[in-house]
Amino acid sequence: MTPLIEERLKALCVAIAEDSELQGARSKAEAFLADEEGVDLYRELMTKSREMQHRQHDGEEIADEDVQELVELKHAADHHAGIKSFHEAQDVLQGVAEMVSAFVSKTLESGEVPTKEEVMNQGGCGEGCGCHH
């Protein structure tokens, strides 16, 4: 990596780290991780979901009780404020990561700095970046 690219990359990282919206998203994610009840519910939902996907992939029949348990876990997770906030935070952070990646990829591909429209026409920045209003 050239010194100029390294310098500009560091400046981009500083801008990202200092952005108040992104700081807020990171704070929401950290708050969720400190919520044991929320994390346990989320982990239980993810574990049950993966288990059922594996069983279905293996051709096993899924009992109605298992489906109902997954539906109830999903409902509880969908209505848990901490989990909702965590998902919102993830969307914002992932959106920025995807947007940065899309701009860099387009620049490497074309050798020119792309416009926002050029990147968005490729569907490159994702939904959480805030540019889909």
N, C-alpha and C. Protein backbone atom coordinates (compact mmCIF):
# COMPACT_ATOMS: atom_id res chain seq x y z
N MET A 1 0.85 -1.17 0.00
CA MET A 1 0.00 0.00 0.00
C MET A 1 0.90 1.23 0.00
N THR A 2 0.55 2.17 -0.84
CA THR A 2 1.36 3.38 -0.92
C THR A 2 1.08 4.27 0.28
N PRO A 3 2.04 5.14 0.60
CA PRO A 3 1.82 6.05 1.73
C PRO A 3 0.58 6.93 1.55
N LEU A 4 0.29 7.37 0.32
CA LEU A 4 -0.89 8.21 0.09
C LEU A 4 -2.18 7.44 0.38
N ILE A 5 -2.26 6.21 -0.10
CA ILE A 5 -3.45 5.39 0.17
C ILE A 5 -3.58 5.12 1.65
N GLU A 6 -2.47 4.81 2.29
CA GLU A 6 -2.50 4.54 3.73
C GLU A 6 -2.97 5.78 4.51
N GLU A 7 -2.50 6.95 4.10
CA GLU A 7 -2.90 8.20 4.76
C GLU A 7 -4.40 8.46 4.58
N ARG A 8 -4.89 8.27 3.35
CA ARG A 8 -6.30 8.52 3.07
C ARG A 8 -7.19 7.47 3.73
N LEU A 9 -6.72 6.25 3.80
CA LEU A 9 -7.47 5.19 4.46
C LEU A 9 -7.60 5.50 5.95
N LYS A 10 -6.52 5.97 6.54
CA LYS A 10 -6.56 6.36 7.95
C LYS A 10 -7.54 7.51 8.15
N ALA A 11 -7.54 8.49 7.23
CA ALA A 11 -8.47 9.62 7.34
C ALA A 11 -9.91 9.14 7.23
N LEU A 12 -10.17 8.20 6.34
CA LEU A 12 -11.51 7.64 6.22
C LEU A 12 -11.91 6.95 7.52
N CYS A 13 -11.01 6.18 8.08
CA CYS A 13 -11.31 5.48 9.34
C CYS A 13 -11.56 6.47 10.48
N VAL A 14 -10.82 7.55 10.52
CA VAL A 14 -11.05 8.59 11.53
C VAL A 14 -12.44 9.18 11.35
N ALA A 15 -12.83 9.47 10.10
CA ALA A 15 -14.15 10.03 9.83
C ALA A 15 -15.25 9.06 10.27
N ILE A 16 -15.05 7.80 9.99
CA ILE A 16 -16.03 6.78 10.38
C ILE A 16 -16.11 6.69 11.90
N ALA A 17 -14.97 6.66 12.55
CA ALA A 17 -14.93 6.54 14.02
C ALA A 17 -15.55 7.75 14.71
N GLU A 18 -15.44 8.93 14.09
CA GLU A 18 -15.94 10.16 14.71
C GLU A 18 -17.37 10.49 14.33
N ASP A 19 -17.96 9.77 13.39
CA ASP A 19 -19.31 10.06 12.93
C ASP A 19 -20.32 9.77 14.05
N SER A 20 -21.13 10.76 14.38
CA SER A 20 -22.04 10.61 15.51
C SER A 20 -23.10 9.54 15.27
N GLU A 21 -23.60 9.41 14.04
CA GLU A 21 -24.59 8.37 13.75
C GLU A 21 -23.99 6.97 13.94
N LEU A 22 -22.77 6.81 13.48
CA LEU A 22 -22.12 5.51 13.63
C LEU A 22 -21.73 5.23 15.07
N GLN A 23 -21.36 6.27 15.81
CA GLN A 23 -21.10 6.10 17.24
C GLN A 23 -22.36 5.64 17.95
N GLY A 24 -23.49 6.24 17.57
CA GLY A 24 -24.77 5.84 18.15
C GLY A 24 -25.11 4.40 17.84
N ALA A 25 -24.85 3.99 16.60
CA ALA A 25 -25.13 2.60 16.21
C ALA A 25 -24.25 1.64 17.01
N ARG A 26 -22.98 1.99 17.16
CA ARG A 26 -22.08 1.12 17.95
C ARG A 26 -22.53 1.06 19.41
N SER A 27 -22.98 2.19 19.94
CA SER A 27 -23.47 2.21 21.33
C SER A 27 -24.69 1.32 21.50
N LYS A 28 -25.60 1.35 20.51
CA LYS A 28 -26.78 0.47 20.56
C LYS A 28 -26.37 -0.99 20.54
N ALA A 29 -25.41 -1.33 19.68
CA ALA A 29 -24.96 -2.71 19.59
C ALA A 29 -24.30 -3.14 20.91
N GLU A 30 -23.49 -2.27 21.48
CA GLU A 30 -22.84 -2.59 22.75
C GLU A 30 -23.85 -2.71 23.89
N ALA A 31 -24.87 -1.87 23.87
CA ALA A 31 -25.91 -1.94 24.90
C ALA A 31 -26.64 -3.27 24.82
N PHE A 32 -26.91 -3.72 23.61
CA PHE A 32 -27.57 -5.01 23.44
C PHE A 32 -26.68 -6.13 24.00
N LEU A 33 -25.41 -6.09 23.70
CA LEU A 33 -24.50 -7.15 24.15
C LEU A 33 -24.40 -7.20 25.67
N ALA A 34 -24.73 -6.09 26.34
CA ALA A 34 -24.73 -6.06 27.81
C ALA A 34 -26.05 -6.54 28.40
N ASP A 35 -27.06 -6.74 27.55
CA ASP A 35 -28.40 -7.17 27.98
C ASP A 35 -28.46 -8.71 27.93
N GLU A 36 -28.19 -9.33 29.06
CA GLU A 36 -28.11 -10.80 29.10
C GLU A 36 -29.39 -11.47 28.63
N GLU A 37 -30.53 -10.94 29.05
CA GLU A 37 -31.81 -11.52 28.66
C GLU A 37 -31.97 -11.46 27.13
N GLY A 38 -31.68 -10.31 26.56
CA GLY A 38 -31.80 -10.14 25.11
C GLY A 38 -30.84 -11.02 24.35
N VAL A 39 -29.59 -11.08 24.82
CA VAL A 39 -28.59 -11.91 24.16
C VAL A 39 -28.99 -13.38 24.24
N ASP A 40 -29.48 -13.81 25.41
CA ASP A 40 -29.91 -15.21 25.56
C ASP A 40 -31.07 -15.53 24.62
N LEU A 41 -32.04 -14.64 24.52
CA LEU A 41 -33.17 -14.85 23.62
C LEU A 41 -32.70 -14.91 22.18
N TYR A 42 -31.85 -13.98 21.78
CA TYR A 42 -31.31 -13.94 20.42
C TYR A 42 -30.52 -15.21 20.11
N ARG A 43 -29.68 -15.63 21.05
CA ARG A 43 -28.87 -16.84 20.87
C ARG A 43 -29.77 -18.07 20.74
N GLU A 44 -30.81 -18.14 21.58
CA GLU A 44 -31.73 -19.27 21.52
C GLU A 44 -32.45 -19.32 20.17
N LEU A 45 -32.87 -18.16 19.68
CA LEU A 45 -33.53 -18.10 18.38
C LEU A 45 -32.58 -18.53 17.27
N MET A 46 -31.37 -18.05 17.28
CA MET A 46 -30.40 -18.41 16.23
C MET A 46 -30.06 -19.90 16.28
N THR A 47 -29.89 -20.43 17.48
CA THR A 47 -29.58 -21.85 17.64
C THR A 47 -30.72 -22.72 17.14
N LYS A 48 -31.94 -22.39 17.54
CA LYS A 48 -33.12 -23.17 17.12
C LYS A 48 -33.30 -23.07 15.61
N SER A 49 -33.12 -21.91 15.07
CA SER A 49 -33.27 -21.70 13.63
C SER A 49 -32.25 -22.52 12.84
N ARG A 50 -30.98 -22.47 13.26
CA ARG A 50 -29.93 -23.26 12.59
C ARG A 50 -30.21 -24.75 12.71
N GLU A 51 -30.61 -25.17 13.90
CA GLU A 51 -30.91 -26.58 14.13
C GLU A 51 -32.01 -27.05 13.17
N MET A 52 -33.05 -26.27 13.05
CA MET A 52 -34.16 -26.65 12.17
C MET A 52 -33.75 -26.61 10.70
N GLN A 53 -32.93 -25.67 10.32
CA GLN A 53 -32.44 -25.62 8.94
C GLN A 53 -31.62 -26.86 8.62
N HIS A 54 -30.75 -27.26 9.56
CA HIS A 54 -29.93 -28.46 9.34
C HIS A 54 -30.81 -29.71 9.24
N ARG A 55 -31.78 -29.79 10.13
CA ARG A 55 -32.68 -30.95 10.10
C ARG A 55 -33.46 -30.99 8.80
N GLN A 56 -33.95 -29.84 8.37
CA GLN A 56 -34.70 -29.78 7.12
C GLN A 56 -33.79 -30.14 5.94
N HIS A 57 -32.57 -29.62 5.95
CA HIS A 57 -31.60 -29.92 4.89
C HIS A 57 -31.29 -31.42 4.83
N ASP A 58 -31.27 -32.05 6.00
CA ASP A 58 -30.99 -33.48 6.07
C ASP A 58 -32.21 -34.33 5.76
N GLY A 59 -33.32 -33.68 5.45
CA GLY A 59 -34.54 -34.39 5.07
C GLY A 59 -35.38 -34.86 6.23
N GLU A 60 -35.06 -34.41 7.43
CA GLU A 60 -35.85 -34.80 8.60
C GLU A 60 -37.17 -34.05 8.63
N GLU A 61 -38.17 -34.70 9.14
CA GLU A 61 -39.45 -34.04 9.31
C GLU A 61 -39.38 -33.19 10.58
N ILE A 62 -39.94 -31.99 10.48
CA ILE A 62 -39.94 -31.06 11.60
C ILE A 62 -41.29 -31.14 12.30
N ALA A 63 -41.27 -31.42 13.58
CA ALA A 63 -42.51 -31.54 14.35
C ALA A 63 -43.18 -30.17 14.49
N ASP A 64 -44.51 -30.20 14.55
CA ASP A 64 -45.28 -28.97 14.71
C ASP A 64 -44.86 -28.20 15.96
N GLU A 65 -44.52 -28.94 17.02
CA GLU A 65 -44.10 -28.29 18.27
C GLU A 65 -42.82 -27.49 18.05
N ASP A 66 -41.90 -28.04 17.25
CA ASP A 66 -40.64 -27.34 16.98
C ASP A 66 -40.90 -26.07 16.17
N VAL A 67 -41.79 -26.18 15.19
CA VAL A 67 -42.14 -25.01 14.39
C VAL A 67 -42.78 -23.94 15.28
N GLN A 68 -43.69 -24.37 16.14
CA GLN A 68 -44.36 -23.43 17.03
C GLN A 68 -43.36 -22.77 17.98
N GLU A 69 -42.42 -23.54 18.49
CA GLU A 69 -41.40 -22.97 19.38
C GLU A 69 -40.58 -21.91 18.64
N LEU A 70 -40.21 -22.20 17.39
CA LEU A 70 -39.45 -21.23 16.61
C LEU A 70 -40.28 -19.97 16.35
N VAL A 71 -41.54 -20.14 16.02
CA VAL A 71 -42.43 -18.99 15.79
C VAL A 71 -42.53 -18.14 17.05
N GLU A 72 -42.67 -18.76 18.20
CA GLU A 72 -42.77 -18.03 19.46
C GLU A 72 -41.46 -17.30 19.79
N LEU A 73 -40.33 -17.96 19.55
CA LEU A 73 -39.05 -17.31 19.78
C LEU A 73 -38.88 -16.11 18.84
N LYS A 74 -39.25 -16.27 17.59
CA LYS A 74 -39.14 -15.18 16.62
C LYS A 74 -40.04 -14.02 17.03
N HIS A 75 -41.25 -14.33 17.46
CA HIS A 75 -42.18 -13.29 17.90
C HIS A 75 -41.59 -12.53 19.09
N ALA A 76 -41.05 -13.26 20.05
CA ALA A 76 -40.46 -12.62 21.23
C ALA A 76 -39.27 -11.75 20.83
N ALA A 77 -38.44 -12.25 19.92
CA ALA A 77 -37.27 -11.48 19.48
C ALA A 77 -37.70 -10.24 18.70
N ASP A 78 -38.73 -10.38 17.86
CA ASP A 78 -39.21 -9.25 17.07
C ASP A 78 -39.78 -8.14 17.94
N HIS A 79 -40.21 -8.48 19.15
CA HIS A 79 -40.81 -7.49 20.04
C HIS A 79 -39.89 -7.09 21.20
N HIS A 80 -38.67 -7.56 21.17
CA HIS A 80 -37.69 -7.20 22.19
C HIS A 80 -36.98 -5.92 21.75
N ALA A 81 -37.11 -4.87 22.53
CA ALA A 81 -36.56 -3.56 22.15
C ALA A 81 -35.06 -3.62 21.90
N GLY A 82 -34.34 -4.34 22.74
CA GLY A 82 -32.88 -4.42 22.59
C GLY A 82 -32.47 -5.12 21.31
N ILE A 83 -33.19 -6.18 20.94
CA ILE A 83 -32.88 -6.90 19.71
C ILE A 83 -33.22 -6.04 18.50
N LYS A 84 -34.35 -5.35 18.55
CA LYS A 84 -34.72 -4.46 17.45
C LYS A 84 -33.66 -3.38 17.28
N SER A 85 -33.22 -2.80 18.38
CA SER A 85 -32.20 -1.77 18.34
C SER A 85 -30.88 -2.31 17.80
N PHE A 86 -30.54 -3.53 18.19
CA PHE A 86 -29.33 -4.18 17.72
C PHE A 86 -29.38 -4.38 16.21
N HIS A 87 -30.51 -4.83 15.70
CA HIS A 87 -30.66 -5.04 14.25
C HIS A 87 -30.56 -3.70 13.51
N GLU A 88 -31.16 -2.67 14.05
CA GLU A 88 -31.06 -1.35 13.43
C GLU A 88 -29.60 -0.90 13.38
N ALA A 89 -28.89 -1.10 14.47
CA ALA A 89 -27.48 -0.72 14.53
C ALA A 89 -26.66 -1.52 13.52
N GLN A 90 -26.92 -2.81 13.45
CA GLN A 90 -26.22 -3.65 12.48
C GLN A 90 -26.47 -3.16 11.06
N ASP A 91 -27.71 -2.81 10.75
CA ASP A 91 -28.05 -2.32 9.42
C ASP A 91 -27.25 -1.06 9.07
N VAL A 92 -27.15 -0.15 10.01
CA VAL A 92 -26.41 1.09 9.77
C VAL A 92 -24.94 0.79 9.54
N LEU A 93 -24.34 0.02 10.43
CA LEU A 93 -22.90 -0.27 10.32
C LEU A 93 -22.58 -1.09 9.07
N GLN A 94 -23.40 -2.10 8.80
CA GLN A 94 -23.19 -2.92 7.61
C GLN A 94 -23.39 -2.10 6.34
N GLY A 95 -24.36 -1.20 6.36
CA GLY A 95 -24.61 -0.34 5.20
C GLY A 95 -23.41 0.53 4.87
N VAL A 96 -22.78 1.09 5.88
CA VAL A 96 -21.60 1.92 5.65
C VAL A 96 -20.46 1.05 5.12
N ALA A 97 -20.27 -0.12 5.70
CA ALA A 97 -19.20 -1.02 5.23
C ALA A 97 -19.43 -1.40 3.77
N GLU A 98 -20.67 -1.70 3.41
CA GLU A 98 -20.98 -2.08 2.03
C GLU A 98 -20.79 -0.90 1.08
N MET A 99 -21.18 0.30 1.52
CA MET A 99 -21.02 1.47 0.68
C MET A 99 -19.55 1.77 0.42
N VAL A 100 -18.74 1.73 1.47
CA VAL A 100 -17.30 1.97 1.31
C VAL A 100 -16.71 0.93 0.37
N SER A 101 -17.07 -0.32 0.57
CA SER A 101 -16.56 -1.39 -0.29
C SER A 101 -16.98 -1.19 -1.74
N ALA A 102 -18.23 -0.80 -1.96
CA ALA A 102 -18.73 -0.59 -3.32
C ALA A 102 -17.98 0.55 -4.01
N PHE A 103 -17.74 1.64 -3.29
CA PHE A 103 -17.01 2.76 -3.88
C PHE A 103 -15.57 2.36 -4.22
N VAL A 104 -14.92 1.65 -3.32
CA VAL A 104 -13.54 1.23 -3.57
C VAL A 104 -13.49 0.25 -4.74
N SER A 105 -14.40 -0.71 -4.77
CA SER A 105 -14.43 -1.69 -5.86
C SER A 105 -14.65 -1.01 -7.21
N LYS A 106 -15.60 -0.08 -7.26
CA LYS A 106 -15.89 0.64 -8.51
C LYS A 106 -14.68 1.47 -8.93
N THR A 107 -13.99 2.07 -7.98
CA THR A 107 -12.79 2.86 -8.29
C THR A 107 -11.69 1.97 -8.85
N LEU A 108 -11.48 0.81 -8.23
CA LEU A 108 -10.47 -0.12 -8.73
C LEU A 108 -10.83 -0.63 -10.13
N GLU A 109 -12.10 -0.85 -10.35
CA GLU A 109 -12.58 -1.36 -11.63
C GLU A 109 -12.42 -0.34 -12.76
N SER A 110 -12.80 0.91 -12.48
CA SER A 110 -12.83 1.92 -13.53
C SER A 110 -11.59 2.82 -13.56
N GLY A 111 -10.88 2.89 -12.45
CA GLY A 111 -9.74 3.79 -12.37
C GLY A 111 -10.13 5.24 -12.13
N GLU A 112 -11.43 5.45 -11.84
CA GLU A 112 -11.95 6.79 -11.58
C GLU A 112 -12.83 6.76 -10.34
N VAL A 113 -13.00 7.93 -9.74
CA VAL A 113 -13.87 8.02 -8.57
C VAL A 113 -15.32 7.98 -9.07
N PRO A 114 -16.08 6.99 -8.62
CA PRO A 114 -17.47 6.88 -9.09
C PRO A 114 -18.38 7.88 -8.40
N THR A 115 -19.48 8.17 -9.05
CA THR A 115 -20.51 8.98 -8.41
C THR A 115 -21.37 8.05 -7.56
N LYS A 116 -22.14 8.65 -6.68
CA LYS A 116 -23.06 7.88 -5.84
C LYS A 116 -24.04 7.10 -6.73
N GLU A 117 -24.50 7.73 -7.79
CA GLU A 117 -25.45 7.10 -8.71
C GLU A 117 -24.84 5.88 -9.38
N GLU A 118 -23.57 5.97 -9.79
CA GLU A 118 -22.91 4.83 -10.44
C GLU A 118 -22.83 3.64 -9.49
N VAL A 119 -22.53 3.91 -8.24
CA VAL A 119 -22.43 2.84 -7.26
C VAL A 119 -23.82 2.27 -6.96
N MET A 120 -24.79 3.15 -6.80
CA MET A 120 -26.14 2.69 -6.45
C MET A 120 -26.79 1.94 -7.60
N ASN A 121 -26.48 2.30 -8.84
CA ASN A 121 -27.05 1.59 -9.99
C ASN A 121 -26.57 0.15 -10.05
N GLN A 122 -25.45 -0.13 -9.41
CA GLN A 122 -24.96 -1.50 -9.33
C GLN A 122 -25.55 -2.21 -8.12
N GLY A 123 -26.35 -1.51 -7.33
CA GLY A 123 -26.93 -2.10 -6.12
C GLY A 123 -25.88 -2.40 -5.09
N GLY A 124 -24.83 -1.56 -5.03
CA GLY A 124 -23.67 -1.91 -4.24
C GLY A 124 -23.63 -1.51 -2.79
N CYS A 125 -24.48 -0.60 -2.34
CA CYS A 125 -24.24 -0.10 -0.99
C CYS A 125 -25.18 -0.66 0.06
N GLY A 126 -26.17 -1.43 -0.31
CA GLY A 126 -27.04 -2.04 0.69
C GLY A 126 -28.12 -1.10 1.18
N GLU A 127 -29.00 -1.62 2.02
CA GLU A 127 -30.16 -0.86 2.47
C GLU A 127 -29.91 0.01 3.68
N GLY A 128 -28.96 -0.33 4.53
CA GLY A 128 -28.81 0.37 5.79
C GLY A 128 -27.93 1.59 5.75
N CYS A 129 -27.46 1.96 4.57
CA CYS A 129 -26.48 3.04 4.49
C CYS A 129 -27.10 4.42 4.60
N GLY A 130 -28.41 4.53 4.48
CA GLY A 130 -29.05 5.82 4.60
C GLY A 130 -29.18 6.56 3.29
N CYS A 131 -28.73 5.97 2.19
CA CYS A 131 -28.82 6.67 0.91
C CYS A 131 -30.01 6.20 0.08
N HIS A 132 -30.91 5.44 0.65
CA HIS A 132 -32.07 4.92 -0.08
C HIS A 132 -33.35 5.64 0.28
N HIS A 133 -33.27 6.91 0.54
CA HIS A 133 -34.47 7.65 0.94
C HIS A 133 -35.19 8.19 -0.26
